[in-house]
Amino acid sequence: MDKKKVVVGMSGGVDSSVAAYLLKEAGYDVIGVTMQIWQDEDISAQEESGGCCGLSAVDDARRVAFALDIPYYVMNFKNEFKCAVMDYFVKEYKEGNTPNPCIACNRYVKWESLLKRSLDIGADYIATGHYAKVVQLENGRYTLCKSVTAEKDQTYALYNLTQHQLSHTLMPVGNFHKDEIREMAKKINLRIASKPDSQEICFIPDKDYAKFIEEYTGEDSKPGNFVTTDGKVIGEHKGIIHYTIGQRKGLNLALGYPVFVVDIRPQSNEVVIGTGEEVFSEKLYANNLNFMSIEDLTDEMEVDVKIRYNHKGTRATIRKTGEDQVECVFAEPQRAITPGQAVVFYEGDYVLGGGTIIRA
């Protein structure tokens, strides 16, 4: 029988590099691919881009592929990335939400687009260096299981992958701790063994989201009113794209007590300010639902819930309130529930499903 063919998405980082090594060792026919997603054709701008976007990523990935003796290609996904990630990011911020572009990139670029091209060239699977594990349950459905490295677990950012995508996905590093992955890279003499992990949004390396949005759209952000929760005007803000729920720094409001952003109202161009207590909410509503371990939510369930990537998780009860809407009631009030972010539901170590937060 022919060896199964797998296309490994290689970012030039240690995780995807070791993923390619592990799969080759396991007997797969491995092909390395870096996804070209940068938009600027200026060489210096490309080199400045961090993470999985810059030219240095291609150079590092190509060297690893050579060291592993596997074929390597660069595939152009610029249009897919612009439409599914960058346009989405800007649109959400202008609507007063705080999106997670990495989740959109995972679902629509790294999986939907890469998987289609990989299957078209005869591959059986795609693989990545994510810290998660793909499992098939007794009910026949595919889901994600948390990585053995809790602090590195990336299941939150992958909650909206489809059954088709999961059935054609391998994630070999999910069974290892990060230090084990680095040791493996050293053992096989990969020069990227000590390369630091990428942290920021790859297309905004300076983390100035508002500046990026203004330059991307060619529009200056429009100032408006800071208001209290009871409607009192207390100052002028710089434009809603400068703010997110729970923010305290950069408000430039001297009220004699700590205040936070508790709501953003794009229709009236208002940023609502409240006290520390007003940042907490007992429940949220979410849509754009995707279920993994179950086909759909038919009954009320008590689950573990994460409301942001670095959230430690909490217990909550979820129930459907519409065809594509779920209500999530927390056992204890949660801080800074942010529209546009993902909420992900877990049963133990398995991903039940998740959605996009629309309101608290």
Protein backbone atom coordinates (compact mmCIF):
# COMPACT_ATOMS: atom_id res chain seq x y z
CA MET A 1 0.00 0.00 0.00
CA ASP A 2 1.24 3.50 -0.84
CA LYS A 3 2.31 5.71 2.03
CA LYS A 4 -0.26 8.38 2.91
CA LYS A 5 0.67 11.79 1.53
CA VAL A 6 0.55 14.79 3.88
CA VAL A 7 1.11 18.48 3.20
CA VAL A 8 2.64 20.19 6.23
CA GLY A 9 2.02 23.91 6.63
CA MET A 10 5.51 25.17 7.52
CA SER A 11 5.85 28.61 9.10
CA GLY A 12 9.59 28.35 9.61
CA GLY A 13 9.01 27.91 13.34
CA VAL A 14 10.08 25.05 15.55
CA ASP A 15 6.61 23.49 15.98
CA SER A 16 5.72 23.03 12.30
CA SER A 17 9.30 21.96 11.54
CA VAL A 18 9.18 19.18 14.15
CA ALA A 19 5.68 18.25 12.94
CA ALA A 20 7.17 17.56 9.49
CA TYR A 21 9.98 15.52 11.08
CA LEU A 22 7.59 13.44 13.21
CA LEU A 23 5.37 12.63 10.23
CA LYS A 24 8.31 11.62 8.05
CA GLU A 25 9.57 9.39 10.87
CA ALA A 26 6.10 7.83 11.06
CA GLY A 27 6.32 6.83 7.41
CA TYR A 28 4.21 9.50 5.71
CA ASP A 29 5.07 10.94 2.31
CA VAL A 30 5.66 14.53 3.50
CA ILE A 31 5.51 17.73 1.43
CA GLY A 32 6.39 21.07 3.04
CA VAL A 33 4.40 24.17 2.10
CA THR A 34 4.65 27.78 3.26
CA MET A 35 1.57 29.91 2.65
CA GLN A 36 2.39 33.26 1.07
CA ILE A 37 -0.11 35.67 2.62
CA TRP A 38 1.77 38.99 2.86
CA GLN A 39 0.22 41.79 0.83
CA ASP A 40 3.11 44.22 0.38
CA GLU A 41 5.46 43.43 -2.48
CA ASP A 42 8.18 45.69 -1.07
CA ILE A 43 11.04 43.39 -0.01
CA SER A 44 11.96 45.36 3.11
CA ALA A 45 8.33 45.35 4.26
CA GLN A 46 8.12 41.60 3.73
CA GLU A 47 11.27 41.03 5.74
CA GLU A 48 9.89 43.09 8.63
CA SER A 49 6.75 40.97 8.84
CA GLY A 50 6.92 38.53 11.71
CA GLY A 51 5.47 35.13 12.45
CA CYS A 52 4.31 33.06 9.52
CA CYS A 53 4.19 35.96 7.05
CA GLY A 54 7.69 37.22 6.36
CA LEU A 55 10.35 36.18 3.89
CA SER A 56 12.47 34.94 6.79
CA ALA A 57 9.75 32.34 7.40
CA VAL A 58 10.21 31.05 3.85
CA ASP A 59 14.00 30.94 4.23
CA ASP A 60 13.76 29.06 7.54
CA ALA A 61 11.12 26.62 6.26
CA ARG A 62 13.11 25.92 3.08
CA ARG A 63 16.24 25.13 5.11
CA VAL A 64 14.26 22.76 7.35
CA ALA A 65 12.73 21.00 4.34
CA PHE A 66 16.21 20.57 2.85
CA ALA A 67 17.51 19.18 6.15
CA LEU A 68 14.59 16.73 6.33
CA ASP A 69 14.94 15.85 2.64
CA ILE A 70 11.33 16.61 1.76
CA PRO A 71 9.90 18.56 -1.20
CA TYR A 72 9.08 22.19 -0.40
CA TYR A 73 6.85 24.78 -2.09
CA VAL A 74 5.52 28.27 -1.48
CA MET A 75 1.80 28.64 -2.29
CA ASN A 76 0.14 32.01 -2.89
CA PHE A 77 -2.86 32.66 -0.64
CA LYS A 78 -2.74 36.47 -0.68
CA ASN A 79 -6.29 36.98 -1.97
CA GLU A 80 -7.79 34.47 0.46
CA PHE A 81 -5.95 36.07 3.38
CA LYS A 82 -6.97 39.61 2.41
CA CYS A 83 -10.66 38.73 2.08
CA ALA A 84 -11.09 36.26 4.95
CA VAL A 85 -8.76 37.83 7.50
CA MET A 86 -7.73 41.44 6.87
CA ASP A 87 -11.06 42.69 5.46
CA TYR A 88 -12.90 40.84 8.22
CA PHE A 89 -10.60 42.30 10.91
CA VAL A 90 -11.20 45.88 9.74
CA LYS A 91 -14.96 45.41 9.30
CA GLU A 92 -15.37 43.98 12.82
CA TYR A 93 -13.38 46.78 14.49
CA LYS A 94 -15.41 49.44 12.67
CA GLU A 95 -18.56 47.75 13.97
CA GLY A 96 -17.33 48.06 17.56
CA ASN A 97 -16.23 44.43 17.93
CA THR A 98 -12.82 42.96 18.80
CA PRO A 99 -12.15 40.14 16.32
CA ASN A 100 -9.64 37.31 16.51
CA PRO A 101 -8.00 37.22 13.05
CA CYS A 102 -6.02 34.04 13.83
CA ILE A 103 -9.27 32.08 14.22
CA ALA A 104 -10.50 33.35 10.85
CA CYS A 105 -7.13 32.54 9.27
CA ASN A 106 -7.19 29.00 10.68
CA ARG A 107 -10.69 28.27 9.41
CA TYR A 108 -10.69 29.92 6.00
CA VAL A 109 -7.05 30.08 4.90
CA LYS A 110 -4.90 27.49 6.69
CA TRP A 111 -7.61 24.86 6.44
CA GLU A 112 -10.25 25.66 3.82
CA SER A 113 -7.88 26.96 1.14
CA LEU A 114 -4.78 24.89 1.92
CA LEU A 115 -6.76 21.68 2.37
CA LYS A 116 -8.55 22.11 -0.96
CA ARG A 117 -5.30 22.66 -2.85
CA SER A 118 -3.64 19.78 -1.00
CA LEU A 119 -6.45 17.34 -1.83
CA ASP A 120 -6.36 18.58 -5.43
CA ILE A 121 -2.70 17.52 -5.73
CA GLY A 122 -3.41 14.08 -4.31
CA ALA A 123 -2.64 14.56 -0.61
CA ASP A 124 -4.60 12.62 2.02
CA TYR A 125 -3.99 15.06 4.87
CA ILE A 126 -2.72 18.46 5.86
CA ALA A 127 -0.73 18.88 9.07
CA THR A 128 0.28 21.78 11.28
CA GLY A 129 2.39 22.45 14.36
CA HIS A 130 -0.58 23.39 16.54
CA TYR A 131 -0.70 22.17 20.13
CA ALA A 132 -3.90 20.14 19.89
CA LYS A 133 -4.94 16.58 19.03
CA VAL A 134 -7.49 15.40 16.47
CA VAL A 135 -9.59 12.47 17.72
CA GLN A 136 -12.55 10.50 16.39
CA LEU A 137 -15.15 9.75 19.04
CA GLU A 138 -17.32 6.65 19.43
CA ASN A 139 -20.22 8.55 17.84
CA GLY A 140 -18.10 8.83 14.67
CA ARG A 141 -17.56 12.57 14.94
CA TYR A 142 -14.17 14.24 14.90
CA THR A 143 -13.18 16.75 17.55
CA LEU A 144 -10.14 18.32 19.13
CA CYS A 145 -8.55 17.20 22.38
CA LYS A 146 -6.43 19.56 24.45
CA SER A 147 -2.67 19.36 24.09
CA VAL A 148 -0.63 17.72 26.84
CA THR A 149 0.89 21.20 27.33
CA ALA A 150 -1.91 23.17 29.00
CA GLU A 151 -0.18 26.57 28.72
CA LYS A 152 0.43 26.02 24.99
CA ASP A 153 -2.95 24.46 24.14
CA GLN A 154 -4.38 25.95 20.92
CA THR A 155 -7.78 24.25 20.70
CA TYR A 156 -9.51 27.58 21.43
CA ALA A 157 -8.26 29.06 18.15
CA LEU A 158 -9.34 25.96 16.17
CA TYR A 159 -12.89 25.47 17.47
CA ASN A 160 -14.60 26.25 14.16
CA LEU A 161 -12.93 23.64 11.94
CA THR A 162 -15.43 21.45 10.11
CA GLN A 163 -15.82 17.68 10.26
CA HIS A 164 -14.42 17.40 6.73
CA GLN A 165 -11.37 19.47 7.68
CA LEU A 166 -10.73 17.54 10.90
CA SER A 167 -10.97 14.20 9.11
CA HIS A 168 -8.08 15.27 6.86
CA THR A 169 -5.93 16.88 9.58
CA LEU A 170 -2.91 15.65 11.54
CA MET A 171 -1.46 17.51 14.55
CA PRO A 172 1.53 15.50 15.73
CA VAL A 173 2.99 17.98 18.26
CA GLY A 174 -0.13 17.90 20.46
CA ASN A 175 1.27 14.84 22.23
CA PHE A 176 4.41 16.66 23.39
CA HIS A 177 5.48 19.43 25.73
CA LYS A 178 7.14 22.49 24.22
CA ASP A 179 10.53 21.70 25.74
CA GLU A 180 10.34 18.20 24.20
CA ILE A 181 9.69 19.76 20.79
CA ARG A 182 12.70 22.08 21.14
CA GLU A 183 14.88 19.15 22.25
CA MET A 184 13.77 17.15 19.21
CA ALA A 185 14.68 20.07 16.95
CA LYS A 186 18.16 20.26 18.53
CA LYS A 187 18.62 16.50 18.25
CA ILE A 188 18.04 16.59 14.49
CA ASN A 189 20.21 19.72 14.16
CA LEU A 190 17.51 22.14 13.06
CA ARG A 191 18.90 25.66 13.38
CA ILE A 192 15.44 27.00 14.32
CA ALA A 193 15.42 24.97 17.57
CA SER A 194 15.66 28.11 19.72
CA LYS A 195 13.60 30.40 17.48
CA PRO A 196 11.13 32.39 19.64
CA ASP A 197 7.38 31.86 19.21
CA SER A 198 5.41 34.43 17.22
CA GLN A 199 3.10 36.47 19.46
CA GLU A 200 1.57 39.41 17.63
CA ILE A 201 -0.97 39.57 14.80
CA CYS A 202 1.27 38.87 11.82
CA PHE A 203 0.02 41.72 9.61
CA ILE A 204 0.21 44.29 12.46
CA PRO A 205 3.66 43.64 13.98
CA ASP A 206 3.72 47.00 15.81
CA LYS A 207 0.36 46.18 17.49
CA ASP A 208 -1.09 49.60 16.53
CA TYR A 209 -4.46 48.31 15.31
CA ALA A 210 -6.07 51.74 14.92
CA LYS A 211 -3.23 53.04 12.74
CA PHE A 212 -3.42 49.92 10.58
CA ILE A 213 -7.19 50.30 10.11
CA GLU A 214 -6.88 53.99 9.18
CA GLU A 215 -4.15 53.24 6.64
CA TYR A 216 -5.97 50.19 5.26
CA THR A 217 -9.25 52.05 4.73
CA GLY A 218 -7.84 55.52 4.00
CA GLU A 219 -10.27 56.89 6.59
CA ASP A 220 -9.48 58.72 9.83
CA SER A 221 -11.28 57.44 12.92
CA LYS A 222 -14.11 59.73 13.96
CA PRO A 223 -14.08 61.15 17.52
CA GLY A 224 -17.20 60.76 19.66
CA ASN A 225 -18.43 60.87 23.23
CA PHE A 226 -17.36 58.91 26.26
CA VAL A 227 -20.59 58.29 28.20
CA THR A 228 -21.41 56.64 31.51
CA THR A 229 -23.77 53.69 31.72
CA ASP A 230 -26.60 56.11 32.63
CA GLY A 231 -25.90 58.28 29.55
CA LYS A 232 -23.89 61.18 30.98
CA VAL A 233 -21.26 62.61 28.61
CA ILE A 234 -17.85 62.69 30.36
CA GLY A 235 -15.38 63.36 27.57
CA GLU A 236 -14.38 62.81 23.95
CA HIS A 237 -12.81 59.63 22.57
CA LYS A 238 -10.46 59.29 19.58
CA GLY A 239 -12.67 56.90 17.58
CA ILE A 240 -14.14 53.51 18.49
CA ILE A 241 -11.38 51.55 16.73
CA HIS A 242 -9.01 52.65 19.53
CA TYR A 243 -10.93 50.79 22.25
CA THR A 244 -11.94 47.34 23.43
CA ILE A 245 -14.09 46.02 26.28
CA GLY A 246 -12.30 46.00 29.64
CA GLN A 247 -9.71 48.59 28.56
CA ARG A 248 -8.44 50.90 31.30
CA LYS A 249 -5.25 52.44 29.93
CA GLY A 250 -5.28 55.24 27.37
CA LEU A 251 -8.72 56.62 28.24
CA ASN A 252 -7.37 59.93 29.61
CA LEU A 253 -10.36 60.35 31.92
CA ALA A 254 -9.77 61.79 35.40
CA LEU A 255 -12.86 60.82 37.38
CA GLY A 256 -11.21 60.15 40.72
CA TYR A 257 -11.72 56.38 40.53
CA PRO A 258 -10.68 53.60 38.11
CA VAL A 259 -12.89 53.33 35.02
CA PHE A 260 -13.07 50.85 32.15
CA VAL A 261 -14.66 50.47 28.72
CA VAL A 262 -17.85 48.45 29.28
CA ASP A 263 -19.55 48.87 25.87
CA ILE A 264 -18.93 50.26 22.40
CA ARG A 265 -21.84 51.68 20.39
CA PRO A 266 -20.94 52.15 16.71
CA GLN A 267 -24.41 53.45 15.77
CA SER A 268 -24.08 56.49 18.06
CA ASN A 269 -20.25 56.48 18.01
CA GLU A 270 -20.18 56.27 21.81
CA VAL A 271 -17.75 54.48 24.12
CA VAL A 272 -19.45 53.55 27.38
CA ILE A 273 -17.40 53.88 30.57
CA GLY A 274 -18.11 52.07 33.83
CA THR A 275 -16.64 50.91 37.11
CA GLY A 276 -14.70 47.71 37.73
CA GLU A 277 -17.92 45.99 38.82
CA GLU A 278 -19.69 46.97 35.59
CA VAL A 279 -17.05 45.16 33.51
CA PHE A 280 -18.38 41.83 34.84
CA SER A 281 -21.29 39.94 33.22
CA GLU A 282 -23.28 36.88 34.25
CA LYS A 283 -23.99 35.61 30.73
CA LEU A 284 -23.33 36.05 27.04
CA TYR A 285 -24.98 35.29 23.71
CA ALA A 286 -23.10 33.89 20.71
CA ASN A 287 -23.84 33.00 17.08
CA ASN A 288 -21.94 31.59 14.08
CA LEU A 289 -22.01 28.32 15.98
CA ASN A 290 -19.87 25.30 15.12
CA PHE A 291 -20.17 22.01 16.98
CA MET A 292 -17.49 19.34 16.95
CA SER A 293 -18.10 16.47 19.37
CA ILE A 294 -21.89 16.69 18.86
CA GLU A 295 -23.94 17.43 15.77
CA ASP A 296 -26.01 20.10 17.51
CA LEU A 297 -26.97 21.30 20.97
CA THR A 298 -30.44 19.91 21.69
CA ASP A 299 -30.56 20.08 25.48
CA GLU A 300 -29.21 22.42 28.13
CA MET A 301 -25.66 21.42 29.09
CA GLU A 302 -23.17 22.31 31.79
CA VAL A 303 -19.71 22.73 30.26
CA ASP A 304 -16.34 24.39 30.68
CA VAL A 305 -16.08 27.66 28.79
CA LYS A 306 -13.27 29.90 27.53
CA ILE A 307 -14.11 33.46 26.47
CA ARG A 308 -10.64 34.45 25.21
CA TYR A 309 -7.42 32.70 24.25
CA ASN A 310 -5.66 33.19 27.60
CA HIS A 311 -8.79 32.72 29.73
CA LYS A 312 -8.31 29.93 32.27
CA GLY A 313 -11.90 28.71 31.71
CA THR A 314 -14.97 28.53 33.91
CA ARG A 315 -18.16 26.49 34.36
CA ALA A 316 -21.32 27.59 32.60
CA THR A 317 -24.68 26.34 31.38
CA ILE A 318 -25.43 26.63 27.67
CA ARG A 319 -28.69 26.33 25.75
CA LYS A 320 -29.88 27.15 22.26
CA THR A 321 -32.05 30.28 22.01
CA GLY A 322 -32.34 30.22 18.23
CA GLU A 323 -31.25 28.26 15.18
CA ASP A 324 -27.82 29.90 15.30
CA GLN A 325 -27.68 31.39 18.78
CA VAL A 326 -26.68 30.08 22.18
CA GLU A 327 -27.06 31.57 25.66
CA CYS A 328 -24.20 30.92 28.08
CA VAL A 329 -24.87 31.52 31.80
CA PHE A 330 -21.78 31.49 34.00
CA ALA A 331 -21.50 29.93 37.44
CA GLU A 332 -19.64 33.13 38.41
CA PRO A 333 -19.69 36.52 36.61
CA GLN A 334 -16.86 36.93 34.08
CA ARG A 335 -14.78 40.02 33.30
CA ALA A 336 -14.67 41.85 29.97
CA ILE A 337 -16.86 39.65 27.78
CA THR A 338 -16.00 41.04 24.36
CA PRO A 339 -18.21 40.95 21.24
CA GLY A 340 -16.28 39.61 18.25
CA GLN A 341 -14.19 37.21 20.33
CA ALA A 342 -14.81 33.45 20.34
CA VAL A 343 -16.48 31.51 23.12
CA VAL A 344 -15.47 27.85 23.17
CA PHE A 345 -17.24 25.03 25.04
CA TYR A 346 -15.41 21.99 26.44
CA GLU A 347 -16.44 18.63 27.84
CA GLY A 348 -13.37 17.67 29.82
CA ASP A 349 -10.46 17.82 27.38
CA TYR A 350 -12.65 17.68 24.28
CA VAL A 351 -14.00 20.61 22.27
CA LEU A 352 -17.80 20.51 22.21
CA GLY A 353 -18.05 23.54 19.96
CA GLY A 354 -18.12 27.32 20.03
CA GLY A 355 -19.26 30.53 18.43
CA THR A 356 -18.74 34.29 18.14
CA ILE A 357 -19.77 36.46 21.08
CA ILE A 358 -22.43 38.98 20.03
CA ARG A 359 -23.27 40.52 23.42
CA ALA A 360 -23.05 40.01 27.17
